[in-house]
Amino acid sequence: LLSGGWLPVALGLAILLVMLTWKTERSRLIRRLRDDQ
């Protein structure tokens, strides 16, 4: 981890944050425009 392994881990965590952000915020937006039969 300290000898360079932090780099792919950091890249992976950055992608993970992007995925969680998109999914969470998009779901929040859809709830904002929630179904109103």
PDB file of all heavy atoms in Angstrom:
ATOM      1  N   LEU A   1       0.812  -1.209   0.000  1.00  0.00           N
ATOM      2  CA  LEU A   1       0.000   0.000   0.000  1.00  0.00           C
ATOM      3  C   LEU A   1       0.849   1.264   0.000  1.00  0.00           C
ATOM      4  O   LEU A   1       0.596   2.202  -0.762  1.00  0.00           O
ATOM      5  CB  LEU A   1      -0.934  -0.013   1.210  1.00  0.00           C
ATOM      6  CG  LEU A   1      -2.144   0.924   1.151  1.00  0.00           C
ATOM      7  CD1 LEU A   1      -3.037   0.603  -0.030  1.00  0.00           C
ATOM      8  CD2 LEU A   1      -2.941   0.851   2.443  1.00  0.00           C
ATOM      9  N   LEU A   2       1.893   1.294   0.831  1.00  0.00           N
ATOM     10  CA  LEU A   2       2.712   2.503   0.949  1.00  0.00           C
ATOM     11  C   LEU A   2       3.775   2.597  -0.135  1.00  0.00           C
ATOM     12  O   LEU A   2       4.309   3.675  -0.388  1.00  0.00           O
ATOM     13  CB  LEU A   2       3.374   2.550   2.331  1.00  0.00           C
ATOM     14  CG  LEU A   2       2.402   2.641   3.518  1.00  0.00           C
ATOM     15  CD1 LEU A   2       3.178   2.662   4.836  1.00  0.00           C
ATOM     16  CD2 LEU A   2       1.527   3.887   3.409  1.00  0.00           C
ATOM     17  N   SER A   3       4.101   1.464  -0.785  1.00  0.00           N
ATOM     18  CA  SER A   3       5.163   1.490  -1.792  1.00  0.00           C
ATOM     19  C   SER A   3       4.628   1.681  -3.202  1.00  0.00           C
ATOM     20  O   SER A   3       5.312   1.392  -4.176  1.00  0.00           O
ATOM     21  CB  SER A   3       5.979   0.186  -1.717  1.00  0.00           C
ATOM     22  OG  SER A   3       5.145  -0.927  -1.983  1.00  0.00           O
ATOM     23  N   GLY A   4       3.395   2.156  -3.321  1.00  0.00           N
ATOM     24  CA  GLY A   4       2.814   2.421  -4.639  1.00  0.00           C
ATOM     25  C   GLY A   4       1.440   1.825  -4.818  1.00  0.00           C
ATOM     26  O   GLY A   4       0.703   2.212  -5.721  1.00  0.00           O
ATOM     27  N   GLY A   5       1.087   0.868  -3.954  1.00  0.00           N
ATOM     28  CA  GLY A   5      -0.217   0.240  -4.073  1.00  0.00           C
ATOM     29  C   GLY A   5      -1.371   1.187  -3.818  1.00  0.00           C
ATOM     30  O   GLY A   5      -2.516   0.915  -4.206  1.00  0.00           O
ATOM     31  N   TRP A   6      -1.070   2.329  -3.187  1.00  0.00           N
ATOM     32  CA  TRP A   6      -2.116   3.330  -2.911  1.00  0.00           C
ATOM     33  C   TRP A   6      -2.687   3.891  -4.211  1.00  0.00           C
ATOM     34  O   TRP A   6      -3.853   4.320  -4.243  1.00  0.00           O
ATOM     35  CB  TRP A   6      -1.540   4.479  -2.082  1.00  0.00           C
ATOM     36  CG  TRP A   6      -0.401   5.191  -2.757  1.00  0.00           C
ATOM     37  CD1 TRP A   6       0.923   4.924  -2.668  1.00  0.00           C
ATOM     38  CD2 TRP A   6      -0.520   6.281  -3.693  1.00  0.00           C
ATOM     39  NE1 TRP A   6       1.658   5.757  -3.472  1.00  0.00           N
ATOM     40  CE2 TRP A   6       0.794   6.615  -4.106  1.00  0.00           C
ATOM     41  CE3 TRP A   6      -1.591   6.992  -4.215  1.00  0.00           C
ATOM     42  CZ2 TRP A   6       1.050   7.630  -5.020  1.00  0.00           C
ATOM     43  CZ3 TRP A   6      -1.337   8.008  -5.126  1.00  0.00           C
ATOM     44  CH2 TRP A   6      -0.034   8.319  -5.506  1.00  0.00           C
ATOM     45  N   LEU A   7      -1.892   3.892  -5.292  1.00  0.00           N
ATOM     46  CA  LEU A   7      -2.355   4.531  -6.530  1.00  0.00           C
ATOM     47  C   LEU A   7      -3.557   3.814  -7.143  1.00  0.00           C
ATOM     48  O   LEU A   7      -4.610   4.440  -7.349  1.00  0.00           O
ATOM     49  CB  LEU A   7      -1.200   4.624  -7.529  1.00  0.00           C
ATOM     50  CG  LEU A   7      -1.576   5.212  -8.891  1.00  0.00           C
ATOM     51  CD1 LEU A   7      -2.044   6.652  -8.746  1.00  0.00           C
ATOM     52  CD2 LEU A   7      -0.420   5.136  -9.868  1.00  0.00           C
ATOM     53  N   PRO A   8      -3.479   2.490  -7.456  1.00  0.00           N
ATOM     54  CA  PRO A   8      -4.674   1.844  -8.012  1.00  0.00           C
ATOM     55  C   PRO A   8      -5.839   1.823  -7.035  1.00  0.00           C
ATOM     56  O   PRO A   8      -7.001   1.875  -7.457  1.00  0.00           O
ATOM     57  CB  PRO A   8      -4.194   0.426  -8.344  1.00  0.00           C
ATOM     58  CG  PRO A   8      -2.961   0.218  -7.538  1.00  0.00           C
ATOM     59  CD  PRO A   8      -2.333   1.558  -7.397  1.00  0.00           C
ATOM     60  N   VAL A   9      -5.520   1.747  -5.722  1.00  0.00           N
ATOM     61  CA  VAL A   9      -6.601   1.787  -4.722  1.00  0.00           C
ATOM     62  C   VAL A   9      -7.295   3.143  -4.759  1.00  0.00           C
ATOM     63  O   VAL A   9      -8.528   3.232  -4.733  1.00  0.00           O
ATOM     64  CB  VAL A   9      -6.052   1.494  -3.313  1.00  0.00           C
ATOM     65  CG1 VAL A   9      -7.134   1.726  -2.260  1.00  0.00           C
ATOM     66  CG2 VAL A   9      -5.549   0.059  -3.229  1.00  0.00           C
ATOM     67  N   ALA A  10      -6.503   4.228  -4.836  1.00  0.00           N
ATOM     68  CA  ALA A  10      -7.082   5.576  -4.896  1.00  0.00           C
ATOM     69  C   ALA A  10      -7.917   5.757  -6.160  1.00  0.00           C
ATOM     70  O   ALA A  10      -9.004   6.344  -6.126  1.00  0.00           O
ATOM     71  CB  ALA A  10      -5.972   6.628  -4.838  1.00  0.00           C
ATOM     72  N   LEU A  11      -7.409   5.254  -7.290  1.00  0.00           N
ATOM     73  CA  LEU A  11      -8.167   5.341  -8.545  1.00  0.00           C
ATOM     74  C   LEU A  11      -9.488   4.581  -8.427  1.00  0.00           C
ATOM     75  O   LEU A  11     -10.539   5.053  -8.856  1.00  0.00           O
ATOM     76  CB  LEU A  11      -7.343   4.777  -9.699  1.00  0.00           C
ATOM     77  CG  LEU A  11      -6.154   5.619 -10.166  1.00  0.00           C
ATOM     78  CD1 LEU A  11      -5.289   4.825 -11.135  1.00  0.00           C
ATOM     79  CD2 LEU A  11      -6.640   6.908 -10.830  1.00  0.00           C
ATOM     80  N   GLY A  12      -9.408   3.380  -7.830  1.00  0.00           N
ATOM     81  CA  GLY A  12     -10.619   2.586  -7.653  1.00  0.00           C
ATOM     82  C   GLY A  12     -11.632   3.269  -6.754  1.00  0.00           C
ATOM     83  O   GLY A  12     -12.832   3.295  -7.050  1.00  0.00           O
ATOM     84  N   LEU A  13     -11.154   3.857  -5.654  1.00  0.00           N
ATOM     85  CA  LEU A  13     -12.064   4.544  -4.731  1.00  0.00           C
ATOM     86  C   LEU A  13     -12.691   5.769  -5.389  1.00  0.00           C
ATOM     87  O   LEU A  13     -13.849   6.097  -5.136  1.00  0.00           O
ATOM     88  CB  LEU A  13     -11.315   4.944  -3.460  1.00  0.00           C
ATOM     89  CG  LEU A  13     -10.901   3.781  -2.543  1.00  0.00           C
ATOM     90  CD1 LEU A  13     -10.095   4.300  -1.351  1.00  0.00           C
ATOM     91  CD2 LEU A  13     -12.126   3.001  -2.061  1.00  0.00           C
ATOM     92  N   ALA A  14     -11.914   6.445  -6.258  1.00  0.00           N
ATOM     93  CA  ALA A  14     -12.468   7.611  -6.970  1.00  0.00           C
ATOM     94  C   ALA A  14     -13.609   7.173  -7.894  1.00  0.00           C
ATOM     95  O   ALA A  14     -14.668   7.819  -7.936  1.00  0.00           O
ATOM     96  CB  ALA A  14     -11.366   8.298  -7.779  1.00  0.00           C
ATOM     97  N   ILE A  15     -13.416   6.065  -8.602  1.00  0.00           N
ATOM     98  CA  ILE A  15     -14.475   5.543  -9.467  1.00  0.00           C
ATOM     99  C   ILE A  15     -15.680   5.121  -8.630  1.00  0.00           C
ATOM    100  O   ILE A  15     -16.835   5.356  -9.005  1.00  0.00           O
ATOM    101  CB  ILE A  15     -13.960   4.346 -10.298  1.00  0.00           C
ATOM    102  CG1 ILE A  15     -12.849   4.786 -11.256  1.00  0.00           C
ATOM    103  CG2 ILE A  15     -15.100   3.706 -11.082  1.00  0.00           C
ATOM    104  CD1 ILE A  15     -13.290   5.721 -12.346  1.00  0.00           C
ATOM    105  N   LEU A  16     -15.411   4.498  -7.470  1.00  0.00           N
ATOM    106  CA  LEU A  16     -16.503   4.078  -6.582  1.00  0.00           C
ATOM    107  C   LEU A  16     -17.333   5.275  -6.138  1.00  0.00           C
ATOM    108  O   LEU A  16     -18.572   5.225  -6.129  1.00  0.00           O
ATOM    109  CB  LEU A  16     -15.931   3.344  -5.370  1.00  0.00           C
ATOM    110  CG  LEU A  16     -16.948   2.904  -4.303  1.00  0.00           C
ATOM    111  CD1 LEU A  16     -17.932   1.883  -4.881  1.00  0.00           C
ATOM    112  CD2 LEU A  16     -16.232   2.333  -3.080  1.00  0.00           C
ATOM    113  N   LEU A  17     -16.649   6.367  -5.770  1.00  0.00           N
ATOM    114  CA  LEU A  17     -17.369   7.578  -5.344  1.00  0.00           C
ATOM    115  C   LEU A  17     -18.211   8.149  -6.482  1.00  0.00           C
ATOM    116  O   LEU A  17     -19.327   8.618  -6.265  1.00  0.00           O
ATOM    117  CB  LEU A  17     -16.370   8.630  -4.835  1.00  0.00           C
ATOM    118  CG  LEU A  17     -15.726   8.330  -3.481  1.00  0.00           C
ATOM    119  CD1 LEU A  17     -14.657   9.368  -3.157  1.00  0.00           C
ATOM    120  CD2 LEU A  17     -16.780   8.295  -2.376  1.00  0.00           C
ATOM    121  N   VAL A  18     -17.676   8.104  -7.705  1.00  0.00           N
ATOM    122  CA  VAL A  18     -18.442   8.577  -8.866  1.00  0.00           C
ATOM    123  C   VAL A  18     -19.695   7.723  -9.049  1.00  0.00           C
ATOM    124  O   VAL A  18     -20.796   8.240  -9.261  1.00  0.00           O
ATOM    125  CB  VAL A  18     -17.571   8.557 -10.140  1.00  0.00           C
ATOM    126  CG1 VAL A  18     -18.432   8.776 -11.383  1.00  0.00           C
ATOM    127  CG2 VAL A  18     -16.489   9.632 -10.059  1.00  0.00           C
ATOM    128  N   MET A  19     -19.538   6.396  -8.954  1.00  0.00           N
ATOM    129  CA  MET A  19     -20.684   5.490  -9.120  1.00  0.00           C
ATOM    130  C   MET A  19     -21.749   5.733  -8.051  1.00  0.00           C
ATOM    131  O   MET A  19     -22.943   5.832  -8.361  1.00  0.00           O
ATOM    132  CB  MET A  19     -20.211   4.029  -9.047  1.00  0.00           C
ATOM    133  CG  MET A  19     -19.460   3.540 -10.266  1.00  0.00           C
ATOM    134  SD  MET A  19     -19.051   1.780 -10.079  1.00  0.00           S
ATOM    135  CE  MET A  19     -18.424   1.407 -11.716  1.00  0.00           C
ATOM    136  N   LEU A  20     -21.309   5.829  -6.794  1.00  0.00           N
ATOM    137  CA  LEU A  20     -22.270   6.030  -5.702  1.00  0.00           C
ATOM    138  C   LEU A  20     -22.938   7.394  -5.806  1.00  0.00           C
ATOM    139  O   LEU A  20     -24.133   7.536  -5.534  1.00  0.00           O
ATOM    140  CB  LEU A  20     -21.552   5.893  -4.352  1.00  0.00           C
ATOM    141  CG  LEU A  20     -21.066   4.473  -4.004  1.00  0.00           C
ATOM    142  CD1 LEU A  20     -20.269   4.489  -2.708  1.00  0.00           C
ATOM    143  CD2 LEU A  20     -22.242   3.504  -3.899  1.00  0.00           C
ATOM    144  N   THR A  21     -22.163   8.408  -6.208  1.00  0.00           N
ATOM    145  CA  THR A  21     -22.721   9.756  -6.358  1.00  0.00           C
ATOM    146  C   THR A  21     -23.784   9.777  -7.442  1.00  0.00           C
ATOM    147  O   THR A  21     -24.886  10.307  -7.251  1.00  0.00           O
ATOM    148  CB  THR A  21     -21.601  10.762  -6.692  1.00  0.00           C
ATOM    149  OG1 THR A  21     -20.705  10.845  -5.585  1.00  0.00           O
ATOM    150  CG2 THR A  21     -22.179  12.148  -6.973  1.00  0.00           C
ATOM    151  N   TRP A  22     -23.468   9.199  -8.604  1.00  0.00           N
ATOM    152  CA  TRP A  22     -24.430   9.210  -9.713  1.00  0.00           C
ATOM    153  C   TRP A  22     -25.704   8.466  -9.347  1.00  0.00           C
ATOM    154  O   TRP A  22     -26.807   8.959  -9.567  1.00  0.00           O
ATOM    155  CB  TRP A  22     -23.799   8.609 -10.963  1.00  0.00           C
ATOM    156  CG  TRP A  22     -24.750   8.572 -12.120  1.00  0.00           C
ATOM    157  CD1 TRP A  22     -25.456   7.511 -12.577  1.00  0.00           C
ATOM    158  CD2 TRP A  22     -25.133   9.685 -12.947  1.00  0.00           C
ATOM    159  NE1 TRP A  22     -26.243   7.866 -13.641  1.00  0.00           N
ATOM    160  CE2 TRP A  22     -26.074   9.203 -13.892  1.00  0.00           C
ATOM    161  CE3 TRP A  22     -24.764  11.030 -12.987  1.00  0.00           C
ATOM    162  CZ2 TRP A  22     -26.640  10.023 -14.859  1.00  0.00           C
ATOM    163  CZ3 TRP A  22     -25.330  11.845 -13.959  1.00  0.00           C
ATOM    164  CH2 TRP A  22     -26.257  11.346 -14.870  1.00  0.00           C
ATOM    165  N   LYS A  23     -25.545   7.279  -8.762  1.00  0.00           N
ATOM    166  CA  LYS A  23     -26.706   6.470  -8.422  1.00  0.00           C
ATOM    167  C   LYS A  23     -27.559   7.151  -7.352  1.00  0.00           C
ATOM    168  O   LYS A  23     -28.788   7.244  -7.476  1.00  0.00           O
ATOM    169  CB  LYS A  23     -26.249   5.094  -7.923  1.00  0.00           C
ATOM    170  CG  LYS A  23     -27.396   4.115  -7.635  1.00  0.00           C
ATOM    171  CD  LYS A  23     -28.079   3.680  -8.916  1.00  0.00           C
ATOM    172  CE  LYS A  23     -29.090   2.583  -8.675  1.00  0.00           C
ATOM    173  NZ  LYS A  23     -29.746   2.132  -9.916  1.00  0.00           N
ATOM    174  N   THR A  24     -26.911   7.651  -6.295  1.00  0.00           N
ATOM    175  CA  THR A  24     -27.638   8.247  -5.175  1.00  0.00           C
ATOM    176  C   THR A  24     -28.344   9.528  -5.587  1.00  0.00           C
ATOM    177  O   THR A  24     -29.535   9.726  -5.302  1.00  0.00           O
ATOM    178  CB  THR A  24     -26.673   8.538  -4.009  1.00  0.00           C
ATOM    179  OG1 THR A  24     -25.994   7.325  -3.662  1.00  0.00           O
ATOM    180  CG2 THR A  24     -27.422   9.044  -2.789  1.00  0.00           C
ATOM    181  N   GLU A  25     -27.623  10.419  -6.257  1.00  0.00           N
ATOM    182  CA  GLU A  25     -28.196  11.707  -6.629  1.00  0.00           C
ATOM    183  C   GLU A  25     -29.246  11.555  -7.724  1.00  0.00           C
ATOM    184  O   GLU A  25     -30.240  12.277  -7.740  1.00  0.00           O
ATOM    185  CB  GLU A  25     -27.091  12.674  -7.074  1.00  0.00           C
ATOM    186  CG  GLU A  25     -26.173  13.114  -5.958  1.00  0.00           C
ATOM    187  CD  GLU A  25     -26.893  13.936  -4.905  1.00  0.00           C
ATOM    188  OE1 GLU A  25     -27.906  14.595  -5.217  1.00  0.00           O
ATOM    189  OE2 GLU A  25     -26.460  13.915  -3.745  1.00  0.00           O
ATOM    190  N   ARG A  26     -29.029  10.612  -8.618  1.00  0.00           N
ATOM    191  CA  ARG A  26     -30.035  10.390  -9.664  1.00  0.00           C
ATOM    192  C   ARG A  26     -31.325   9.840  -9.039  1.00  0.00           C
ATOM    193  O   ARG A  26     -32.429  10.236  -9.418  1.00  0.00           O
ATOM    194  CB  ARG A  26     -29.483   9.419 -10.710  1.00  0.00           C
ATOM    195  CG  ARG A  26     -30.378   9.263 -11.935  1.00  0.00           C
ATOM    196  CD  ARG A  26     -29.631   8.527 -13.037  1.00  0.00           C
ATOM    197  NE  ARG A  26     -30.506   8.277 -14.177  1.00  0.00           N
ATOM    198  CZ  ARG A  26     -31.257   7.197 -14.328  1.00  0.00           C
ATOM    199  NH1 ARG A  26     -31.250   6.269 -13.396  1.00  0.00           N
ATOM    200  NH2 ARG A  26     -32.014   7.040 -15.400  1.00  0.00           N
ATOM    201  N   SER A  27     -31.184   8.937  -8.083  1.00  0.00           N
ATOM    202  CA  SER A  27     -32.363   8.417  -7.383  1.00  0.00           C
ATOM    203  C   SER A  27     -33.069   9.528  -6.620  1.00  0.00           C
ATOM    204  O   SER A  27     -34.308   9.601  -6.583  1.00  0.00           O
ATOM    205  CB  SER A  27     -31.958   7.303  -6.413  1.00  0.00           C
ATOM    206  OG  SER A  27     -31.368   6.233  -7.099  1.00  0.00           O
ATOM    207  N   ARG A  28     -32.280  10.427  -6.026  1.00  0.00           N
ATOM    208  CA  ARG A  28     -32.846  11.563  -5.307  1.00  0.00           C
ATOM    209  C   ARG A  28     -33.621  12.471  -6.257  1.00  0.00           C
ATOM    210  O   ARG A  28     -34.715  12.946  -5.941  1.00  0.00           O
ATOM    211  CB  ARG A  28     -31.708  12.337  -4.627  1.00  0.00           C
ATOM    212  CG  ARG A  28     -32.145  13.544  -3.795  1.00  0.00           C
ATOM    213  CD  ARG A  28     -30.918  14.337  -3.379  1.00  0.00           C
ATOM    214  NE  ARG A  28     -31.292  15.490  -2.586  1.00  0.00           N
ATOM    215  CZ  ARG A  28     -31.160  15.581  -1.267  1.00  0.00           C
ATOM    216  NH1 ARG A  28     -30.681  14.551  -0.589  1.00  0.00           N
ATOM    217  NH2 ARG A  28     -31.498  16.677  -0.623  1.00  0.00           N
ATOM    218  N   LEU A  29     -33.051  12.682  -7.455  1.00  0.00           N
ATOM    219  CA  LEU A  29     -33.714  13.531  -8.447  1.00  0.00           C
ATOM    220  C   LEU A  29     -35.022  12.898  -8.916  1.00  0.00           C
ATOM    221  O   LEU A  29     -36.050  13.576  -9.059  1.00  0.00           O
ATOM    222  CB  LEU A  29     -32.779  13.754  -9.632  1.00  0.00           C
ATOM    223  CG  LEU A  29     -33.311  14.610 -10.780  1.00  0.00           C
ATOM    224  CD1 LEU A  29     -33.627  16.024 -10.300  1.00  0.00           C
ATOM    225  CD2 LEU A  29     -32.306  14.653 -11.923  1.00  0.00           C
ATOM    226  N   ILE A  30     -34.984  11.586  -9.134  1.00  0.00           N
ATOM    227  CA  ILE A  30     -36.195  10.896  -9.585  1.00  0.00           C
ATOM    228  C   ILE A  30     -37.272  10.947  -8.498  1.00  0.00           C
ATOM    229  O   ILE A  30     -38.455  11.112  -8.786  1.00  0.00           O
ATOM    230  CB  ILE A  30     -35.863   9.446  -9.989  1.00  0.00           C
ATOM    231  CG1 ILE A  30     -35.042   9.456 -11.291  1.00  0.00           C
ATOM    232  CG2 ILE A  30     -37.133   8.625 -10.179  1.00  0.00           C
ATOM    233  CD1 ILE A  30     -34.529   8.110 -11.712  1.00  0.00           C
ATOM    234  N   ARG A  31     -36.830  10.830  -7.233  1.00  0.00           N
ATOM    235  CA  ARG A  31     -37.817  10.956  -6.139  1.00  0.00           C
ATOM    236  C   ARG A  31     -38.397  12.366  -6.098  1.00  0.00           C
ATOM    237  O   ARG A  31     -39.553  12.573  -5.779  1.00  0.00           O
ATOM    238  CB  ARG A  31     -37.165  10.617  -4.794  1.00  0.00           C
ATOM    239  CG  ARG A  31     -36.955   9.138  -4.573  1.00  0.00           C
ATOM    240  CD  ARG A  31     -36.665   8.845  -3.112  1.00  0.00           C
ATOM    241  NE  ARG A  31     -35.517   9.571  -2.594  1.00  0.00           N
ATOM    242  CZ  ARG A  31     -34.277   9.123  -2.649  1.00  0.00           C
ATOM    243  NH1 ARG A  31     -34.011   7.947  -3.214  1.00  0.00           N
ATOM    244  NH2 ARG A  31     -33.287   9.837  -2.152  1.00  0.00           N
ATOM    245  N   ARG A  32     -37.550  13.336  -6.436  1.00  0.00           N
ATOM    246  CA  ARG A  32     -38.027  14.736  -6.483  1.00  0.00           C
ATOM    247  C   ARG A  32     -39.103  14.882  -7.548  1.00  0.00           C
ATOM    248  O   ARG A  32     -40.056  15.629  -7.402  1.00  0.00           O
ATOM    249  CB  ARG A  32     -36.833  15.648  -6.796  1.00  0.00           C
ATOM    250  CG  ARG A  32     -37.164  17.108  -7.023  1.00  0.00           C
ATOM    251  CD  ARG A  32     -37.547  17.783  -5.725  1.00  0.00           C
ATOM    252  NE  ARG A  32     -37.860  19.177  -5.948  1.00  0.00           N
ATOM    253  CZ  ARG A  32     -39.010  19.632  -6.427  1.00  0.00           C
ATOM    254  NH1 ARG A  32     -39.969  18.782  -6.734  1.00  0.00           N
ATOM    255  NH2 ARG A  32     -39.216  20.925  -6.583  1.00  0.00           N
ATOM    256  N   LEU A  33     -38.924  14.121  -8.653  1.00  0.00           N
ATOM    257  CA  LEU A  33     -39.932  14.098  -9.711  1.00  0.00           C
ATOM    258  C   LEU A  33     -40.732  12.802  -9.574  1.00  0.00           C
ATOM    259  O   LEU A  33     -40.959  12.084 -10.539  1.00  0.00           O
ATOM    260  CB  LEU A  33     -39.246  14.136 -11.091  1.00  0.00           C
ATOM    261  CG  LEU A  33     -38.282  15.298 -11.321  1.00  0.00           C
ATOM    262  CD1 LEU A  33     -37.494  15.079 -12.593  1.00  0.00           C
ATOM    263  CD2 LEU A  33     -39.023  16.614 -11.359  1.00  0.00           C
ATOM    264  N   ARG A  34     -41.117  12.498  -8.348  1.00  0.00           N
ATOM    265  CA  ARG A  34     -41.671  11.186  -8.028  1.00  0.00           C
ATOM    266  C   ARG A  34     -42.970  10.918  -8.801  1.00  0.00           C
ATOM    267  O   ARG A  34     -43.639  11.824  -9.266  1.00  0.00           O
ATOM    268  CB  ARG A  34     -41.942  11.071  -6.520  1.00  0.00           C
ATOM    269  CG  ARG A  34     -42.992  12.032  -6.012  1.00  0.00           C
ATOM    270  CD  ARG A  34     -43.073  11.987  -4.498  1.00  0.00           C
ATOM    271  NE  ARG A  34     -44.088  12.915  -4.004  1.00  0.00           N
ATOM    272  CZ  ARG A  34     -43.901  14.216  -3.855  1.00  0.00           C
ATOM    273  NH1 ARG A  34     -42.737  14.748  -4.150  1.00  0.00           N
ATOM    274  NH2 ARG A  34     -44.859  14.997  -3.400  1.00  0.00           N
ATOM    275  N   ASP A  35     -43.292   9.621  -8.844  1.00  0.00           N
ATOM    276  CA  ASP A  35     -44.553   9.210  -9.460  1.00  0.00           C
ATOM    277  C   ASP A  35     -45.725   9.909  -8.775  1.00  0.00           C
ATOM    278  O   ASP A  35     -45.795   9.961  -7.550  1.00  0.00           O
ATOM    279  CB  ASP A  35     -44.738   7.695  -9.314  1.00  0.00           C
ATOM    280  CG  ASP A  35     -43.798   6.935 -10.243  1.00  0.00           C
ATOM    281  OD1 ASP A  35     -43.025   7.585 -10.938  1.00  0.00           O
ATOM    282  OD2 ASP A  35     -43.868   5.690 -10.259  1.00  0.00           O
ATOM    283  N   ASP A  36     -46.582  10.460  -9.577  1.00  0.00           N
ATOM    284  CA  ASP A  36     -47.761  11.152  -9.034  1.00  0.00           C
ATOM    285  C   ASP A  36     -48.952  10.750  -9.899  1.00  0.00           C
ATOM    286  O   ASP A  36     -49.396  11.505 -10.764  1.00  0.00           O
ATOM    287  CB  ASP A  36     -47.517  12.672  -9.061  1.00  0.00           C
ATOM    288  CG  ASP A  36     -48.669  13.433  -8.405  1.00  0.00           C
ATOM    289  OD1 ASP A  36     -49.596  12.780  -7.877  1.00  0.00           O
ATOM    290  OD2 ASP A  36     -48.641  14.675  -8.434  1.00  0.00           O
ATOM    291  N   GLN A  37     -49.436   9.522  -9.664  1.00  0.00           N
ATOM    292  CA  GLN A  37     -50.511   8.982 -10.491  1.00  0.00           C
ATOM    293  C   GLN A  37     -51.750   9.877 -10.455  1.00  0.00           C
ATOM    294  O   GLN A  37     -52.374  10.160 -11.474  1.00  0.00           O
ATOM    295  CB  GLN A  37     -50.875   7.571 -10.000  1.00  0.00           C
ATOM    296  CG  GLN A  37     -52.015   6.924 -10.777  1.00  0.00           C
ATOM    297  CD  GLN A  37     -51.609   6.549 -12.200  1.00  0.00           C
ATOM    298  OE1 GLN A  37     -50.676   5.807 -12.398  1.00  0.00           O
ATOM    299  NE2 GLN A  37     -52.309   7.090 -13.183  1.00  0.00           N
TER     300      GLN A  37
END
